[in-house]
Amino acid sequence: MLPDFAHINSIAASILTENAYLFPSSYPDIPLNVTMLKNALLKAGIEADKTEFRVIMQQVELALASMVPLNWNNYGSIALL
């Protein structure tokens, strides 16, 4: 079962908190990766199959993009939003 909006935001917030030194980064995109998401899902007690994982990854990426400060160097987040 896919997490709701509140769970997605809390997962994104936990990723942002634990990896604050990466957000925003000098990379053109948010440095979300599979390991970050898997760890956050485990802490939230959410299990996802391969199909759900892809959808959750997209939703968390969008939530992260809305949380990080935007600047012209972070154009990946601007594009996501």
C-alpha atoms as a PDB file:
ATOM      1  CA  MET A   1       0.000   0.000   0.000  1.00  0.00           C
ATOM      2  CA  LEU A   2       1.324   3.414  -0.945  1.00  0.00           C
ATOM      3  CA  PRO A   3       1.902   5.940   1.839  1.00  0.00           C
ATOM      4  CA  ASP A   4      -0.353   8.976   1.981  1.00  0.00           C
ATOM      5  CA  PHE A   5       0.727  12.590   1.576  1.00  0.00           C
ATOM      6  CA  ALA A   6       1.552  13.045   5.270  1.00  0.00           C
ATOM      7  CA  HIS A   7       3.772   9.948   5.309  1.00  0.00           C
ATOM      8  CA  ILE A   8       5.544  11.047   2.123  1.00  0.00           C
ATOM      9  CA  ASN A   9       6.280  14.430   3.688  1.00  0.00           C
ATOM     10  CA  SER A  10       7.570  12.864   6.907  1.00  0.00           C
ATOM     11  CA  ILE A  11       9.789  10.473   4.921  1.00  0.00           C
ATOM     12  CA  ALA A  12      11.146  13.388   2.885  1.00  0.00           C
ATOM     13  CA  ALA A  13      11.709  15.422   6.053  1.00  0.00           C
ATOM     14  CA  SER A  14      13.633  12.564   7.679  1.00  0.00           C
ATOM     15  CA  ILE A  15      15.820  12.194   4.589  1.00  0.00           C
ATOM     16  CA  LEU A  16      16.437  15.935   4.555  1.00  0.00           C
ATOM     17  CA  THR A  17      17.318  15.948   8.273  1.00  0.00           C
ATOM     18  CA  GLU A  18      19.714  13.013   8.066  1.00  0.00           C
ATOM     19  CA  ASN A  19      21.380  14.244   4.877  1.00  0.00           C
ATOM     20  CA  ALA A  20      21.183  18.003   5.371  1.00  0.00           C
ATOM     21  CA  TYR A  21      24.775  18.446   4.250  1.00  0.00           C
ATOM     22  CA  LEU A  22      23.739  17.307   0.760  1.00  0.00           C
ATOM     23  CA  PHE A  23      20.704  19.592   0.371  1.00  0.00           C
ATOM     24  CA  PRO A  24      20.922  21.844  -1.534  1.00  0.00           C
ATOM     25  CA  SER A  25      24.064  20.657  -3.153  1.00  0.00           C
ATOM     26  CA  SER A  26      26.201  21.785  -6.009  1.00  0.00           C
ATOM     27  CA  TYR A  27      24.605  19.050  -8.075  1.00  0.00           C
ATOM     28  CA  PRO A  28      21.993  20.081 -10.587  1.00  0.00           C
ATOM     29  CA  ASP A  29      19.482  17.739  -9.013  1.00  0.00           C
ATOM     30  CA  ILE A  30      18.416  16.546  -5.591  1.00  0.00           C
ATOM     31  CA  PRO A  31      20.850  13.813  -4.543  1.00  0.00           C
ATOM     32  CA  LEU A  32      18.153  11.388  -3.422  1.00  0.00           C
ATOM     33  CA  ASN A  33      19.251   7.809  -3.889  1.00  0.00           C
ATOM     34  CA  VAL A  34      17.820   4.347  -3.293  1.00  0.00           C
ATOM     35  CA  THR A  35      19.748   3.771  -0.060  1.00  0.00           C
ATOM     36  CA  MET A  36      18.452   7.003   1.481  1.00  0.00           C
ATOM     37  CA  LEU A  37      14.894   6.099   0.585  1.00  0.00           C
ATOM     38  CA  LYS A  38      15.153   2.479   1.762  1.00  0.00           C
ATOM     39  CA  ASN A  39      16.543   3.590   5.135  1.00  0.00           C
ATOM     40  CA  ALA A  40      13.803   6.189   5.562  1.00  0.00           C
ATOM     41  CA  LEU A  41      11.104   3.657   4.645  1.00  0.00           C
ATOM     42  CA  LEU A  42      12.491   1.139   7.140  1.00  0.00           C
ATOM     43  CA  LYS A  43      12.455   3.756   9.907  1.00  0.00           C
ATOM     44  CA  ALA A  44       8.864   4.640   8.989  1.00  0.00           C
ATOM     45  CA  GLY A  45       7.880   0.960   9.032  1.00  0.00           C
ATOM     46  CA  ILE A  46       6.817   0.957   5.393  1.00  0.00           C
ATOM     47  CA  GLU A  47       7.481  -1.983   3.100  1.00  0.00           C
ATOM     48  CA  ALA A  48       7.224  -1.430  -0.633  1.00  0.00           C
ATOM     49  CA  ASP A  49       7.511  -3.752  -3.595  1.00  0.00           C
ATOM     50  CA  LYS A  50       9.374  -2.758  -6.769  1.00  0.00           C
ATOM     51  CA  THR A  51       6.364  -1.103  -8.374  1.00  0.00           C
ATOM     52  CA  GLU A  52       5.438   0.875  -5.275  1.00  0.00           C
ATOM     53  CA  PHE A  53       9.061   1.820  -4.637  1.00  0.00           C
ATOM     54  CA  ARG A  54       9.286   3.679  -7.954  1.00  0.00           C
ATOM     55  CA  VAL A  55       6.132   5.656  -7.211  1.00  0.00           C
ATOM     56  CA  ILE A  56       7.274   6.427  -3.656  1.00  0.00           C
ATOM     57  CA  MET A  57      10.670   7.561  -4.968  1.00  0.00           C
ATOM     58  CA  GLN A  58       8.973  10.013  -7.329  1.00  0.00           C
ATOM     59  CA  GLN A  59       6.683  11.332  -4.606  1.00  0.00           C
ATOM     60  CA  VAL A  60       9.538  11.768  -2.130  1.00  0.00           C
ATOM     61  CA  GLU A  61      11.645  13.514  -4.778  1.00  0.00           C
ATOM     62  CA  LEU A  62       8.851  15.995  -5.352  1.00  0.00           C
ATOM     63  CA  ALA A  63       8.398  16.513  -1.603  1.00  0.00           C
ATOM     64  CA  LEU A  64      12.146  17.098  -1.181  1.00  0.00           C
ATOM     65  CA  ALA A  65      12.171  19.551  -4.077  1.00  0.00           C
ATOM     66  CA  SER A  66       9.504  21.576  -2.308  1.00  0.00           C
ATOM     67  CA  MET A  67      11.482  21.580   0.981  1.00  0.00           C
ATOM     68  CA  VAL A  68      14.981  22.598  -0.082  1.00  0.00           C
ATOM     69  CA  PRO A  69      15.870  26.234  -0.604  1.00  0.00           C
ATOM     70  CA  LEU A  70      15.791  27.079  -4.279  1.00  0.00           C
ATOM     71  CA  ASN A  71      18.514  28.968  -6.073  1.00  0.00           C
ATOM     72  CA  TRP A  72      19.646  29.168  -9.677  1.00  0.00           C
ATOM     73  CA  ASN A  73      22.273  26.453  -9.160  1.00  0.00           C
ATOM     74  CA  ASN A  74      19.605  24.026  -7.972  1.00  0.00           C
ATOM     75  CA  TYR A  75      17.778  23.960 -11.298  1.00  0.00           C
ATOM     76  CA  GLY A  76      16.911  20.263 -10.954  1.00  0.00           C
ATOM     77  CA  SER A  77      14.596  21.105  -8.062  1.00  0.00           C
ATOM     78  CA  ILE A  78      13.096  23.978 -10.010  1.00  0.00           C
ATOM     79  CA  ALA A  79      12.434  21.643 -12.919  1.00  0.00           C
ATOM     80  CA  LEU A  80      10.810  19.042 -10.626  1.00  0.00           C
ATOM     81  CA  LEU A  81       8.502  21.621  -9.128  1.00  0.00           C
END
